[in-house]
């Protein structure tokens, strides 16, 4: 599987809201660094994210491939996130993935976006336990 296929599967799994499909793309003990959720193992992060989500719609803008060094890939996409409260938030983000040595799975994900415009809506929905 090449970088583009791996990335397409990731966005598709997010859009489907499928925990099993998302986790199948990550190595065991993979880690996530998220501006809203902090640092977590992938399984815990996606369980929490999907519990906070009614719907995800992603629109790919760019894929950035490595120029050398460790195997990696970055996705730049527009994210329309419907929170459990029903509130819809939209933003652009960049997900930077480190890949396993065989380049078939993700070993780490660092998520980059400005949380200021969405933080209040997220915290309200998250703390209300929708």
Protein backbone atom coordinates (compact mmCIF):
# COMPACT_ATOMS: atom_id res chain seq x y z
CA UNK A 1 0.00 0.00 0.00
CA UNK A 2 1.44 3.38 -0.95
CA UNK A 3 1.15 6.69 0.94
CA UNK A 4 -1.87 7.88 -1.02
CA UNK A 5 -3.81 4.63 -0.48
CA UNK A 6 -3.05 4.64 3.23
CA UNK A 7 -4.19 8.27 3.52
CA UNK A 8 -7.36 7.63 1.50
CA UNK A 9 -8.24 4.70 3.75
CA UNK A 10 -7.70 6.89 6.82
CA UNK A 11 -10.02 9.67 5.65
CA UNK A 12 -12.61 7.11 4.55
CA UNK A 13 -12.51 5.39 7.96
CA UNK A 14 -12.94 8.77 9.70
CA UNK A 15 -15.92 9.59 7.48
CA UNK A 16 -17.47 6.18 8.21
CA UNK A 17 -16.92 6.60 11.94
CA UNK A 18 -15.51 3.08 12.04
CA UNK A 19 -13.26 2.46 15.03
CA UNK A 20 -12.19 -0.90 13.63
CA UNK A 21 -11.28 0.56 10.23
CA UNK A 22 -9.33 3.47 11.73
CA UNK A 23 -7.40 1.29 14.17
CA UNK A 24 -6.49 -1.20 11.43
CA UNK A 25 -4.31 1.54 9.94
CA UNK A 26 -2.26 2.03 13.11
CA UNK A 27 0.51 -0.09 14.60
CA UNK A 28 -0.08 -1.45 18.08
CA UNK A 29 0.83 1.15 20.72
CA UNK A 30 0.70 3.95 18.12
CA UNK A 31 0.38 7.37 19.70
CA UNK A 32 -1.69 10.44 18.89
CA UNK A 33 -0.80 14.03 19.76
CA UNK A 34 -3.98 16.13 19.60
CA UNK A 35 -4.54 19.79 20.46
CA UNK A 36 -7.93 18.98 22.08
CA UNK A 37 -7.35 15.53 23.58
CA UNK A 38 -3.63 15.62 24.45
CA UNK A 39 -1.27 12.67 24.05
CA UNK A 40 -2.94 9.26 23.93
CA UNK A 41 -2.61 5.79 22.50
CA UNK A 42 -4.48 5.52 19.21
CA UNK A 43 -7.16 3.16 20.52
CA UNK A 44 -8.09 5.45 23.41
CA UNK A 45 -7.97 8.57 21.25
CA UNK A 46 -10.29 7.20 18.55
CA UNK A 47 -12.71 5.71 21.08
CA UNK A 48 -13.00 9.14 22.69
CA UNK A 49 -13.14 11.03 19.39
CA UNK A 50 -15.86 8.79 17.98
CA UNK A 51 -17.83 9.02 21.21
CA UNK A 52 -17.78 12.82 20.78
CA UNK A 53 -18.79 12.66 17.11
CA UNK A 54 -22.12 12.37 15.33
CA UNK A 55 -20.58 12.74 11.88
CA UNK A 56 -17.27 13.51 10.18
CA UNK A 57 -16.84 14.79 6.67
CA UNK A 58 -13.34 15.31 5.34
CA UNK A 59 -12.25 16.94 2.10
CA UNK A 60 -8.66 16.29 1.11
CA UNK A 61 -6.72 19.39 0.08
CA UNK A 62 -3.11 18.14 -0.13
CA UNK A 63 -0.86 15.19 0.61
CA UNK A 64 2.73 16.03 1.52
CA UNK A 65 5.29 13.27 1.01
CA UNK A 66 8.62 12.95 2.83
CA UNK A 67 11.77 14.50 1.47
CA UNK A 68 14.02 12.10 3.37
CA UNK A 69 14.61 10.77 6.84
CA UNK A 70 11.99 8.75 8.70
CA UNK A 71 9.01 7.51 6.66
CA UNK A 72 6.19 10.01 7.05
CA UNK A 73 3.29 11.68 5.25
CA UNK A 74 1.12 14.70 6.00
CA UNK A 75 -2.53 15.29 5.08
CA UNK A 76 -3.97 18.76 4.74
CA UNK A 77 -7.75 18.59 4.75
CA UNK A 78 -10.95 20.44 5.55
CA UNK A 79 -12.88 18.86 8.39
CA UNK A 80 -16.59 19.26 9.04
CA UNK A 81 -17.19 17.77 12.47
CA UNK A 82 -20.67 17.30 13.87
CA UNK A 83 -20.32 17.01 17.63
CA UNK A 84 -22.60 14.82 19.75
CA UNK A 85 -24.46 17.99 20.75
CA UNK A 86 -25.39 18.50 17.09
CA UNK A 87 -23.17 21.57 16.77
CA UNK A 88 -21.21 21.61 13.50
CA UNK A 89 -17.66 22.95 13.54
CA UNK A 90 -15.44 23.33 10.50
CA UNK A 91 -11.71 23.87 10.18
CA UNK A 92 -8.62 23.06 8.15
CA UNK A 93 -6.05 20.82 9.72
CA UNK A 94 -2.83 19.02 9.00
CA UNK A 95 -2.28 15.47 10.23
CA UNK A 96 1.38 14.46 10.26
CA UNK A 97 1.83 10.68 10.30
CA UNK A 98 4.99 8.77 11.10
CA UNK A 99 4.93 5.39 9.38
CA UNK A 100 6.16 1.98 10.43
CA UNK A 101 9.43 0.81 8.84
CA UNK A 102 7.50 -1.15 6.18
CA UNK A 103 5.33 1.96 5.49
CA UNK A 104 2.12 -0.07 5.84
CA UNK A 105 0.76 1.48 9.05
CA UNK A 106 0.90 4.65 11.08
CA UNK A 107 3.08 4.63 14.20
CA UNK A 108 2.38 8.18 15.37
CA UNK A 109 0.00 11.00 14.44
CA UNK A 110 0.46 14.65 15.30
CA UNK A 111 -2.65 16.73 14.61
CA UNK A 112 -2.20 20.44 13.90
CA UNK A 113 -4.97 23.05 13.79
CA UNK A 114 -6.15 26.18 15.55
CA UNK A 115 -8.54 25.12 18.32
CA UNK A 116 -9.55 28.65 19.36
CA UNK A 117 -12.60 28.93 17.06
CA UNK A 118 -14.02 25.53 18.11
CA UNK A 119 -12.85 24.99 21.69
CA UNK A 120 -15.96 26.40 23.42
CA UNK A 121 -18.33 24.28 21.29
CA UNK A 122 -16.18 21.19 21.83
CA UNK A 123 -15.92 21.67 25.59
CA UNK A 124 -19.66 22.29 25.91
CA UNK A 125 -20.52 19.16 23.95
CA UNK A 126 -17.79 17.04 25.58
CA UNK A 127 -18.57 18.04 29.17
CA UNK A 128 -22.35 17.71 28.70
CA UNK A 129 -21.84 14.03 27.85
CA UNK A 130 -24.00 14.08 24.73
